[in-house]
Amino acid sequence: MKKLTFAIAAAAMIASCQGAPPNETILTQNCLALMENDPEVTGGLLAASGTTADKFCPCYATTILADETKIDLHKEIILKIVETRQANNVGVEEAVDLIEDMIERGEVDSFTSEQLDGTGDDFQDIAGSFEENGVCPVS
């Protein structure tokens, strides 16, 4: 998890110094960090869809890139989930619950609970495509 966190931090540093890394790289790295060491995600979402994080996350990034309105929101929300997981040593679901509490208290105001839920729905939709068709919904 620490290696992925450092990779995300390095990407942010590159962005400030030499231009932003491609959104695809950021989305993929954030997705991998999100899923790392969470048995509920790997044993649930990924197992049910018959894929692995290494296959799912690049597909996730490509799918989100296909809808420009989702790119910045997903980058922000997934990074917040990763940071919350690390800060509290919890899984994805617990981190999402903590973030929902932060939204209610006004500590997070850059996205709404509905947007947070929508991000989760996007993950479910992509996993559903893998489960039904065995392939990424965006080629």
Protein backbone atom coordinates (compact mmCIF):
# COMPACT_ATOMS: atom_id res chain seq x y z
CA MET A 1 0.00 0.00 0.00
CA LYS A 2 2.83 2.39 0.84
CA LYS A 3 4.43 1.88 -2.58
CA LEU A 4 1.18 2.82 -4.31
CA THR A 5 0.77 5.83 -2.06
CA PHE A 6 4.25 6.99 -2.95
CA ALA A 7 3.48 6.45 -6.63
CA ILE A 8 0.39 8.62 -6.32
CA ALA A 9 2.38 11.28 -4.48
CA ALA A 10 5.09 11.11 -7.13
CA ALA A 11 2.48 11.58 -9.85
CA ALA A 12 1.23 14.67 -8.05
CA MET A 13 4.78 16.04 -7.79
CA ILE A 14 5.37 15.45 -11.49
CA ALA A 15 2.15 17.27 -12.22
CA SER A 16 3.34 20.34 -10.34
CA CYS A 17 6.81 20.33 -11.90
CA GLN A 18 6.65 18.98 -15.43
CA GLY A 19 3.00 18.77 -16.41
CA ALA A 20 0.35 16.34 -15.31
CA PRO A 21 0.72 12.62 -15.87
CA PRO A 22 -1.98 11.19 -18.07
CA ASN A 23 -5.36 10.85 -16.38
CA GLU A 24 -5.37 7.19 -17.36
CA THR A 25 -2.28 6.58 -15.23
CA ILE A 26 -3.70 8.50 -12.27
CA LEU A 27 -7.05 6.70 -12.42
CA THR A 28 -5.39 3.30 -12.74
CA GLN A 29 -2.97 3.93 -9.86
CA ASN A 30 -5.73 5.26 -7.62
CA CYS A 31 -7.90 2.24 -8.43
CA LEU A 32 -5.08 -0.17 -7.60
CA ALA A 33 -4.40 1.66 -4.34
CA LEU A 34 -8.10 1.54 -3.52
CA MET A 35 -8.28 -2.22 -3.94
CA GLU A 36 -4.96 -3.16 -2.40
CA ASN A 37 -5.20 -5.38 0.68
CA ASP A 38 -8.98 -5.27 0.89
CA PRO A 39 -10.31 -8.83 0.95
CA GLU A 40 -13.92 -7.62 0.66
CA VAL A 41 -13.15 -5.98 -2.67
CA THR A 42 -10.92 -8.69 -4.07
CA GLY A 43 -13.09 -11.50 -2.71
CA GLY A 44 -16.35 -9.77 -3.56
CA LEU A 45 -16.40 -7.34 -6.45
CA LEU A 46 -13.44 -8.75 -8.36
CA ALA A 47 -14.10 -12.44 -7.67
CA ALA A 48 -17.75 -12.12 -8.69
CA SER A 49 -16.75 -10.41 -11.92
CA GLY A 50 -14.07 -13.00 -12.67
CA THR A 51 -11.22 -10.54 -12.95
CA THR A 52 -8.27 -9.15 -11.01
CA ALA A 53 -7.30 -5.64 -9.98
CA ASP A 54 -4.55 -5.67 -12.63
CA LYS A 55 -7.19 -6.19 -15.34
CA PHE A 56 -10.03 -4.26 -13.74
CA CYS A 57 -8.21 -0.99 -12.97
CA PRO A 58 -6.96 -0.20 -16.49
CA CYS A 59 -10.47 -0.95 -17.74
CA TYR A 60 -11.91 1.31 -15.05
CA ALA A 61 -9.58 4.13 -16.13
CA THR A 62 -10.47 3.72 -19.82
CA THR A 63 -14.17 3.65 -19.01
CA ILE A 64 -14.04 6.80 -16.90
CA LEU A 65 -11.94 8.60 -19.53
CA ALA A 66 -14.75 7.97 -22.03
CA ASP A 67 -16.94 10.37 -20.02
CA GLU A 68 -15.04 13.62 -19.48
CA THR A 69 -17.55 14.77 -16.86
CA LYS A 70 -16.43 11.97 -14.52
CA ILE A 71 -12.63 12.22 -14.73
CA ASP A 72 -11.86 14.90 -12.12
CA LEU A 73 -14.61 13.71 -9.78
CA HIS A 74 -13.35 10.12 -9.84
CA LYS A 75 -9.75 11.21 -9.31
CA GLU A 76 -10.80 13.23 -6.26
CA ILE A 77 -13.17 10.67 -4.75
CA ILE A 78 -10.95 7.62 -5.20
CA LEU A 79 -7.95 9.46 -3.78
CA LYS A 80 -10.05 10.53 -0.76
CA ILE A 81 -11.11 6.91 -0.18
CA VAL A 82 -7.48 5.73 -0.40
CA GLU A 83 -6.33 8.45 2.01
CA THR A 84 -9.15 7.63 4.44
CA ARG A 85 -8.36 3.91 4.28
CA GLN A 86 -4.74 4.58 5.10
CA ALA A 87 -5.39 7.12 7.83
CA ASN A 88 -7.86 4.84 9.61
CA ASN A 89 -6.49 1.42 8.65
CA VAL A 90 -9.87 0.31 7.27
CA GLY A 91 -11.28 -1.29 4.15
CA VAL A 92 -13.03 0.44 1.28
CA GLU A 93 -16.55 0.12 2.68
CA GLU A 94 -15.54 1.48 6.06
CA ALA A 95 -13.67 4.35 4.41
CA VAL A 96 -16.75 5.24 2.35
CA ASP A 97 -18.85 5.26 5.54
CA LEU A 98 -16.33 7.59 7.20
CA ILE A 99 -16.36 9.90 4.18
CA GLU A 100 -20.16 9.99 4.21
CA ASP A 101 -19.97 11.06 7.85
CA MET A 102 -17.42 13.76 6.90
CA ILE A 103 -19.76 15.02 4.18
CA GLU A 104 -22.65 15.23 6.67
CA ARG A 105 -20.46 17.19 9.12
CA GLY A 106 -19.30 19.55 6.35
CA GLU A 107 -15.68 18.38 6.53
CA VAL A 108 -15.83 17.29 2.89
CA ASP A 109 -17.64 19.69 0.60
CA SER A 110 -16.02 19.17 -2.78
CA PHE A 111 -18.37 16.29 -3.63
CA THR A 112 -21.71 15.02 -2.39
CA SER A 113 -22.89 11.70 -0.99
CA GLU A 114 -24.72 11.16 -4.27
CA GLN A 115 -21.51 11.65 -6.24
CA LEU A 116 -19.72 9.27 -3.88
CA ASP A 117 -22.46 6.68 -4.44
CA GLY A 118 -22.32 7.30 -8.19
CA THR A 119 -18.63 6.51 -8.20
CA GLY A 120 -19.39 3.20 -6.48
CA ASP A 121 -22.11 2.55 -9.06
CA ASP A 122 -19.55 3.06 -11.83
CA PHE A 123 -17.32 0.42 -10.24
CA GLN A 124 -20.29 -1.96 -10.01
CA ASP A 125 -21.26 -1.33 -13.64
CA ILE A 126 -17.75 -2.09 -14.87
CA ALA A 127 -17.58 -5.23 -12.73
CA GLY A 128 -21.00 -6.25 -14.08
CA SER A 129 -19.72 -6.00 -17.63
CA PHE A 130 -16.80 -8.27 -16.77
CA GLU A 131 -19.20 -10.71 -15.12
CA GLU A 132 -21.70 -10.74 -18.00
CA ASN A 133 -19.39 -10.46 -20.99
CA GLY A 134 -15.93 -11.25 -19.69
CA VAL A 135 -14.62 -8.00 -21.13
CA CYS A 136 -14.19 -4.34 -20.37
CA PRO A 137 -17.25 -2.31 -21.41
CA VAL A 138 -15.05 0.21 -23.25
CA SER A 139 -12.61 -1.07 -25.85
